[in-house]
Every structure is written in C-alpha cells, then in structure tokens.
C-alpha atoms as a PDB file:
ATOM      1  CA  UNK A   1     -13.011  -7.618 -16.946  1.00  0.00           C
ATOM      2  CA  UNK A   2     -15.211  -5.213 -16.540  1.00  0.00           C
ATOM      3  CA  UNK A   3     -13.840  -2.402 -14.225  1.00  0.00           C
ATOM      4  CA  UNK A   4     -17.372  -0.899 -13.878  1.00  0.00           C
ATOM      5  CA  UNK A   5     -18.840  -3.960 -12.941  1.00  0.00           C
ATOM      6  CA  UNK A   6     -20.649  -4.817  -9.573  1.00  0.00           C
ATOM      7  CA  UNK A   7     -19.056  -8.429 -10.362  1.00  0.00           C
ATOM      8  CA  UNK A   8     -15.718  -8.023  -9.450  1.00  0.00           C
ATOM      9  CA  UNK A   9     -16.297  -7.173  -6.144  1.00  0.00           C
ATOM     10  CA  UNK A  10     -13.936  -9.070  -4.585  1.00  0.00           C
ATOM     11  CA  UNK A  11     -10.970  -7.377  -6.370  1.00  0.00           C
ATOM     12  CA  UNK A  12     -12.492  -3.770  -6.307  1.00  0.00           C
ATOM     13  CA  UNK A  13     -12.235  -3.658  -2.438  1.00  0.00           C
ATOM     14  CA  UNK A  14      -8.508  -4.984  -1.923  1.00  0.00           C
ATOM     15  CA  UNK A  15      -7.403  -2.938  -4.241  1.00  0.00           C
ATOM     16  CA  UNK A  16      -9.507   0.803  -3.268  1.00  0.00           C
ATOM     17  CA  UNK A  17      -7.915  -0.573   0.150  1.00  0.00           C
ATOM     18  CA  UNK A  18      -4.248  -0.906  -1.299  1.00  0.00           C
ATOM     19  CA  UNK A  19      -5.122   1.895  -3.289  1.00  0.00           C
ATOM     20  CA  UNK A  20      -5.896   4.402   0.210  1.00  0.00           C
ATOM     21  CA  UNK A  21      -3.423   2.520   1.572  1.00  0.00           C
ATOM     22  CA  UNK A  22      -0.222   4.041  -1.039  1.00  0.00           C
ATOM     23  CA  UNK A  23      -1.862   7.092  -1.019  1.00  0.00           C
ATOM     24  CA  UNK A  24      -1.293   7.209   3.083  1.00  0.00           C
ATOM     25  CA  UNK A  25       1.948   5.633   3.402  1.00  0.00           C
ATOM     26  CA  UNK A  26       3.110   8.266   0.169  1.00  0.00           C
ATOM     27  CA  UNK A  27       2.177  11.102   2.438  1.00  0.00           C
ATOM     28  CA  UNK A  28       4.175   9.718   5.242  1.00  0.00           C
ATOM     29  CA  UNK A  29       7.245   9.328   2.793  1.00  0.00           C
ATOM     30  CA  UNK A  30       6.651  13.111   2.497  1.00  0.00           C
ATOM     31  CA  UNK A  31       6.647  14.376   5.877  1.00  0.00           C
ATOM     32  CA  UNK A  32       9.088  11.972   7.341  1.00  0.00           C
ATOM     33  CA  UNK A  33      11.479  12.999   4.568  1.00  0.00           C
ATOM     34  CA  UNK A  34      10.227  17.201   5.018  1.00  0.00           C
ATOM     35  CA  UNK A  35       9.762  17.757   8.537  1.00  0.00           C
ATOM     36  CA  UNK A  36      10.744  14.128  10.132  1.00  0.00           C
ATOM     37  CA  UNK A  37       9.952  13.428  13.464  1.00  0.00           C
ATOM     38  CA  UNK A  38       9.247  16.632  14.578  1.00  0.00           C
ATOM     39  CA  UNK A  39       5.552  16.692  13.004  1.00  0.00           C
ATOM     40  CA  UNK A  40       3.495  16.425  16.633  1.00  0.00           C
ATOM     41  CA  UNK A  41       0.360  17.272  15.878  1.00  0.00           C
ATOM     42  CA  UNK A  42      -2.930  15.190  15.615  1.00  0.00           C
ATOM     43  CA  UNK A  43      -2.705  14.578  11.709  1.00  0.00           C
ATOM     44  CA  UNK A  44       1.084  13.646  12.078  1.00  0.00           C
ATOM     45  CA  UNK A  45       0.348  10.652  14.527  1.00  0.00           C
ATOM     46  CA  UNK A  46      -2.802   9.086  12.966  1.00  0.00           C
ATOM     47  CA  UNK A  47      -1.376   9.100   9.693  1.00  0.00           C
ATOM     48  CA  UNK A  48       1.851   7.289  11.507  1.00  0.00           C
ATOM     49  CA  UNK A  49      -0.726   4.956  13.471  1.00  0.00           C
ATOM     50  CA  UNK A  50      -2.489   3.932  10.105  1.00  0.00           C
ATOM     51  CA  UNK A  51       0.342   3.407   8.590  1.00  0.00           C
ATOM     52  CA  UNK A  52       2.440   2.149  11.703  1.00  0.00           C
ATOM     53  CA  UNK A  53       1.859  -1.497  10.773  1.00  0.00           C
ATOM     54  CA  UNK A  54       2.409  -1.720   7.054  1.00  0.00           C
ATOM     55  CA  UNK A  55       6.245   0.248   8.225  1.00  0.00           C
ATOM     56  CA  UNK A  56       7.129  -2.114  11.142  1.00  0.00           C
ATOM     57  CA  UNK A  57       6.205  -4.863   8.778  1.00  0.00           C
ATOM     58  CA  UNK A  58       8.450  -4.276   6.184  1.00  0.00           C
ATOM     59  CA  UNK A  59      10.350  -2.635   8.595  1.00  0.00           C
ATOM     60  CA  UNK A  60      11.172  -6.596  10.046  1.00  0.00           C
ATOM     61  CA  UNK A  61      12.324  -8.058   5.785  1.00  0.00           C
ATOM     62  CA  UNK A  62      14.441  -5.008   5.652  1.00  0.00           C
ATOM     63  CA  UNK A  63      18.027  -4.554   6.535  1.00  0.00           C
ATOM     64  CA  UNK A  64      18.773  -2.604   9.871  1.00  0.00           C
ATOM     65  CA  UNK A  65      21.454  -0.352   7.736  1.00  0.00           C
ATOM     66  CA  UNK A  66      18.388   1.195   5.350  1.00  0.00           C
ATOM     67  CA  UNK A  67      16.918   4.521   6.701  1.00  0.00           C
ATOM     68  CA  UNK A  68      13.622   4.789   8.264  1.00  0.00           C
ATOM     69  CA  UNK A  69      12.227   6.933   5.467  1.00  0.00           C
ATOM     70  CA  UNK A  70      13.384   5.106   3.355  1.00  0.00           C
ATOM     71  CA  UNK A  71      11.472   1.473   4.890  1.00  0.00           C
ATOM     72  CA  UNK A  72       8.714   3.593   3.927  1.00  0.00           C
ATOM     73  CA  UNK A  73       9.805   3.709   0.754  1.00  0.00           C
ATOM     74  CA  UNK A  74       9.939  -0.134   0.607  1.00  0.00           C
ATOM     75  CA  UNK A  75       6.435  -0.507   2.022  1.00  0.00           C
ATOM     76  CA  UNK A  76       4.930   1.862  -0.816  1.00  0.00           C
ATOM     77  CA  UNK A  77       7.097  -0.206  -3.431  1.00  0.00           C
ATOM     78  CA  UNK A  78       5.515  -3.399  -1.811  1.00  0.00           C
ATOM     79  CA  UNK A  79       2.097  -1.841  -1.803  1.00  0.00           C
ATOM     80  CA  UNK A  80       2.590  -0.745  -5.466  1.00  0.00           C
ATOM     81  CA  UNK A  81       2.967  -4.654  -6.345  1.00  0.00           C
ATOM     82  CA  UNK A  82       0.620  -5.849  -3.923  1.00  0.00           C
ATOM     83  CA  UNK A  83      -1.644  -4.480  -6.460  1.00  0.00           C
ATOM     84  CA  UNK A  84      -0.213  -5.616  -9.433  1.00  0.00           C
ATOM     85  CA  UNK A  85      -0.598  -9.035  -8.134  1.00  0.00           C
ATOM     86  CA  UNK A  86      -4.170  -8.552  -7.190  1.00  0.00           C
ATOM     87  CA  UNK A  87      -5.204  -7.294 -11.040  1.00  0.00           C
ATOM     88  CA  UNK A  88      -2.812  -9.691 -12.086  1.00  0.00           C
ATOM     89  CA  UNK A  89      -4.456 -12.682 -10.244  1.00  0.00           C
ATOM     90  CA  UNK A  90      -8.100 -11.172 -11.801  1.00  0.00           C
ATOM     91  CA  UNK A  91      -7.526 -11.531 -14.967  1.00  0.00           C
ATOM     92  CA  UNK A  92      -6.351 -14.738 -14.529  1.00  0.00           C
ATOM     93  CA  UNK A  93      -9.702 -15.524 -13.007  1.00  0.00           C
ATOM     94  CA  UNK A  94     -11.525 -13.694 -15.134  1.00  0.00           C
ATOM     95  CA  UNK A  95      -9.548 -15.922 -18.641  1.00  0.00           C
ATOM     96  CA  UNK A  96      -9.536 -19.198 -16.976  1.00  0.00           C
ATOM     97  CA  UNK A  97     -13.989 -18.208 -16.371  1.00  0.00           C
ATOM     98  CA  UNK A  98     -14.090 -17.489 -20.308  1.00  0.00           C
ATOM     99  CA  UNK A  99     -11.782 -20.236 -21.397  1.00  0.00           C
ATOM    100  CA  UNK A 100     -14.183 -22.931 -19.115  1.00  0.00           C
END
C-alpha cells in the first residue's frame, strides 16, 4: 500500500479526519487537566464545540464514576483504536485485491 498514492483516498481522508480529531482531543485533554472549566475564551469554546460530540458519545458508554477529564482521555484512546482499525481494514482490502 503506497501511502502517497491518490488511489487510497478512501483510507487517507478518514485517517486525516481522525488524526485532526485526535489532536484536538489531546489539546482538550491538556487544557482540561491544566485549566479545567475556568477557560472560557473563544479558542477553548471552539475546541470544546468541535470535540463535544465525540466526548459525549464516549461519555455515554463509560461508567459515571470516571471524571470528565478522563472521559476525554478515553475518547483519545477510541480515536486511536479507530485509526488502527482503519489501517488494518485497508491493508486487508489491498491484500485481497492483490491476491486476485
């Protein structure tokens, strides 16, 4: 699988979106741990607005005993797992295609 090939756009585009989301989640986790909910400027609100759907979805399946900042950490782990799964599925599809 050639990573620079435009043929694999169906893998590269979701991977880039997941990478962007993971970086945003890492930034949110760092800000939540450092500042907490006291940060209320435009950048913090935009970051929370961008990552809230993922954090809420992960928060719905995690136990309530986990603190909110760690739910963001769990979301980072789920996004990393999704990226790994995406690469594995793409590699399996490429292998099947090359085998005929």
